[in-house]
């Protein structure tokens, strides 16, 4: 009894602070980008997911936004 589309999908959350910093420092040494993998319910949250998570490269809690795979 499988449905056509799965309700729960896997999403990747990326630190928005690190992504901006790496774009500005393109020539210099790249720092890392913090990424988390989680799941969301497609029916309850149709928009992009944003959560506050710890970024080990910024050493603080920052906004992590959903990115495309």
N, C-alpha and C. Protein backbone atom coordinates (compact mmCIF):
# COMPACT_ATOMS: atom_id res chain seq x y z
N UNK A 1 0.82 -1.18 0.00
CA UNK A 1 0.00 0.00 0.00
C UNK A 1 0.87 1.26 0.00
N UNK A 2 1.72 1.40 -0.96
CA UNK A 2 2.58 2.58 -1.05
C UNK A 2 1.82 3.72 -1.72
N UNK A 3 2.05 4.93 -1.24
CA UNK A 3 1.44 6.11 -1.83
C UNK A 3 2.32 6.63 -2.95
N UNK A 4 1.78 7.52 -3.75
CA UNK A 4 2.53 8.07 -4.87
C UNK A 4 3.72 8.90 -4.43
N UNK A 5 3.50 9.81 -3.47
CA UNK A 5 4.57 10.66 -2.99
C UNK A 5 4.71 10.45 -1.49
N UNK A 6 5.94 10.37 -1.02
CA UNK A 6 6.18 10.22 0.41
C UNK A 6 5.85 11.52 1.11
N UNK A 7 5.27 11.40 2.31
CA UNK A 7 4.93 12.58 3.09
C UNK A 7 6.18 13.15 3.73
N UNK A 8 7.05 12.30 4.26
CA UNK A 8 8.28 12.77 4.89
C UNK A 8 9.43 12.73 3.89
N UNK A 9 10.15 13.84 3.79
CA UNK A 9 11.28 13.93 2.87
C UNK A 9 12.54 14.30 3.65
N UNK A 10 13.68 13.87 3.15
CA UNK A 10 14.97 14.20 3.75
C UNK A 10 15.45 15.54 3.20
N UNK A 11 15.86 16.44 4.11
CA UNK A 11 16.34 17.76 3.71
C UNK A 11 17.72 18.01 4.31
N UNK A 12 18.49 18.89 3.67
CA UNK A 12 19.81 19.27 4.16
C UNK A 12 19.73 20.71 4.63
N UNK A 13 20.20 20.96 5.87
CA UNK A 13 20.23 22.30 6.44
C UNK A 13 21.67 22.79 6.42
N UNK A 14 21.89 24.00 5.90
CA UNK A 14 23.22 24.58 5.79
C UNK A 14 23.27 25.89 6.55
N UNK A 15 24.40 26.14 7.21
CA UNK A 15 24.58 27.38 7.97
C UNK A 15 24.59 28.57 7.01
N UNK A 16 23.68 29.51 7.24
CA UNK A 16 23.60 30.69 6.37
C UNK A 16 24.76 31.64 6.61
N UNK A 17 25.29 31.68 7.82
CA UNK A 17 26.40 32.56 8.16
C UNK A 17 27.69 32.09 7.48
N UNK A 18 27.97 30.81 7.48
CA UNK A 18 29.17 30.26 6.83
C UNK A 18 29.10 30.41 5.32
N UNK A 19 27.93 30.22 4.74
CA UNK A 19 27.78 30.32 3.29
C UNK A 19 28.09 31.73 2.81
N UNK A 20 27.65 32.74 3.55
CA UNK A 20 27.93 34.13 3.18
C UNK A 20 29.41 34.43 3.34
N UNK A 21 30.00 33.95 4.42
CA UNK A 21 31.42 34.21 4.68
C UNK A 21 32.30 33.55 3.62
N UNK A 22 31.96 32.33 3.20
CA UNK A 22 32.77 31.63 2.18
C UNK A 22 32.65 32.29 0.81
N UNK A 23 31.49 32.88 0.49
CA UNK A 23 31.35 33.58 -0.78
C UNK A 23 32.22 34.83 -0.81
N UNK A 24 32.33 35.52 0.33
CA UNK A 24 33.13 36.74 0.40
C UNK A 24 34.62 36.43 0.35
N UNK A 25 35.05 35.31 0.92
CA UNK A 25 36.47 34.94 0.98
C UNK A 25 36.81 33.87 -0.04
N UNK A 26 36.43 34.10 -1.27
CA UNK A 26 36.62 33.08 -2.30
C UNK A 26 38.09 32.81 -2.58
N UNK A 27 38.95 33.84 -2.58
CA UNK A 27 40.36 33.63 -2.89
C UNK A 27 41.13 33.06 -1.71
N UNK A 28 40.73 33.44 -0.51
CA UNK A 28 41.49 33.02 0.67
C UNK A 28 41.13 31.59 1.06
N UNK A 29 41.73 31.13 2.13
CA UNK A 29 41.50 29.76 2.60
C UNK A 29 40.04 29.58 2.98
N UNK A 30 39.43 28.55 2.49
CA UNK A 30 38.03 28.27 2.79
C UNK A 30 37.90 27.69 4.18
N UNK A 31 36.96 28.20 4.92
CA UNK A 31 36.62 27.64 6.22
C UNK A 31 35.61 26.55 5.91
N UNK A 32 35.02 25.89 6.82
CA UNK A 32 34.03 24.86 6.51
C UNK A 32 32.63 25.42 6.45
N UNK A 33 31.71 24.60 6.01
CA UNK A 33 30.29 24.94 6.02
C UNK A 33 29.58 23.85 6.82
N UNK A 34 28.86 24.28 7.85
CA UNK A 34 28.15 23.34 8.71
C UNK A 34 26.88 22.87 8.02
N UNK A 35 26.67 21.57 7.97
CA UNK A 35 25.47 21.00 7.36
C UNK A 35 24.87 19.94 8.25
N UNK A 36 23.55 19.91 8.34
CA UNK A 36 22.81 18.90 9.08
C UNK A 36 21.83 18.23 8.14
N UNK A 37 21.53 16.97 8.37
CA UNK A 37 20.54 16.23 7.60
C UNK A 37 19.38 15.89 8.53
N UNK A 38 18.17 16.20 8.10
CA UNK A 38 16.99 15.93 8.91
C UNK A 38 15.82 15.60 7.99
N UNK A 39 14.66 15.36 8.57
CA UNK A 39 13.46 15.08 7.79
C UNK A 39 12.38 16.09 8.13
N UNK A 40 11.50 16.34 7.17
CA UNK A 40 10.37 17.21 7.43
C UNK A 40 9.12 16.61 6.79
N UNK A 41 7.98 17.00 7.33
CA UNK A 41 6.70 16.57 6.79
C UNK A 41 6.29 17.56 5.71
N UNK A 42 6.11 17.08 4.50
CA UNK A 42 5.83 17.94 3.36
C UNK A 42 4.48 18.65 3.48
N UNK A 43 3.51 18.00 4.11
CA UNK A 43 2.18 18.59 4.23
C UNK A 43 2.13 19.68 5.30
N UNK A 44 2.83 19.50 6.41
CA UNK A 44 2.80 20.48 7.49
C UNK A 44 3.70 21.68 7.22
N UNK A 45 4.84 21.48 6.57
CA UNK A 45 5.77 22.57 6.28
C UNK A 45 6.13 22.57 4.79
N UNK A 46 5.27 23.15 3.96
CA UNK A 46 5.57 23.17 2.52
C UNK A 46 6.68 24.16 2.16
N UNK A 47 6.91 25.18 3.00
CA UNK A 47 7.96 26.15 2.71
C UNK A 47 9.31 25.61 3.17
N UNK A 48 10.36 26.37 2.89
CA UNK A 48 11.71 25.95 3.29
C UNK A 48 11.86 26.00 4.80
N UNK A 49 12.56 25.02 5.33
CA UNK A 49 12.75 24.88 6.77
C UNK A 49 13.96 25.69 7.21
N UNK A 50 13.84 26.39 8.36
CA UNK A 50 14.95 27.12 8.97
C UNK A 50 14.96 26.81 10.46
N UNK A 51 16.10 26.33 10.96
CA UNK A 51 16.23 26.00 12.38
C UNK A 51 17.51 26.60 12.94
N UNK A 52 17.51 26.88 14.25
CA UNK A 52 18.73 27.34 14.91
C UNK A 52 19.50 26.10 15.37
N UNK A 53 20.68 25.93 14.83
CA UNK A 53 21.54 24.78 15.16
C UNK A 53 22.93 25.30 15.48
N UNK A 54 23.74 24.46 16.13
CA UNK A 54 25.10 24.86 16.48
C UNK A 54 26.00 24.67 15.27
N UNK A 55 26.79 25.70 14.97
CA UNK A 55 27.75 25.65 13.87
C UNK A 55 29.15 25.53 14.48
N UNK A 56 29.86 24.44 14.26
CA UNK A 56 31.20 24.28 14.83
C UNK A 56 32.24 25.20 14.21
N UNK A 57 31.97 25.78 13.05
CA UNK A 57 32.92 26.68 12.40
C UNK A 57 32.75 28.11 12.90
N UNK A 58 31.51 28.50 13.25
CA UNK A 58 31.26 29.83 13.81
C UNK A 58 31.35 29.81 15.34
N UNK A 59 31.31 28.65 15.94
CA UNK A 59 31.33 28.45 17.39
C UNK A 59 30.14 29.12 18.08
N UNK A 60 28.97 29.08 17.44
CA UNK A 60 27.76 29.62 18.06
C UNK A 60 26.54 29.06 17.35
N UNK A 61 25.37 29.31 17.92
CA UNK A 61 24.12 28.89 17.32
C UNK A 61 23.73 29.88 16.23
N UNK A 62 23.47 29.37 15.02
CA UNK A 62 23.11 30.21 13.89
C UNK A 62 21.91 29.61 13.18
N UNK A 63 21.35 30.37 12.26
CA UNK A 63 20.22 29.89 11.45
C UNK A 63 20.76 28.96 10.36
N UNK A 64 20.19 27.78 10.30
CA UNK A 64 20.51 26.81 9.24
C UNK A 64 19.28 26.69 8.36
N UNK A 65 19.44 26.98 7.06
CA UNK A 65 18.32 26.94 6.13
C UNK A 65 18.41 25.75 5.21
N UNK A 66 17.26 25.37 4.70
CA UNK A 66 17.16 24.23 3.78
C UNK A 66 17.76 24.59 2.43
N UNK A 67 18.53 23.66 1.85
CA UNK A 67 19.12 23.86 0.53
C UNK A 67 18.65 22.75 -0.40
N UNK A 68 18.88 22.96 -1.69
CA UNK A 68 18.56 21.92 -2.66
C UNK A 68 19.61 20.83 -2.61
N UNK A 69 19.23 19.63 -3.01
CA UNK A 69 20.17 18.50 -3.03
C UNK A 69 21.04 18.56 -4.25
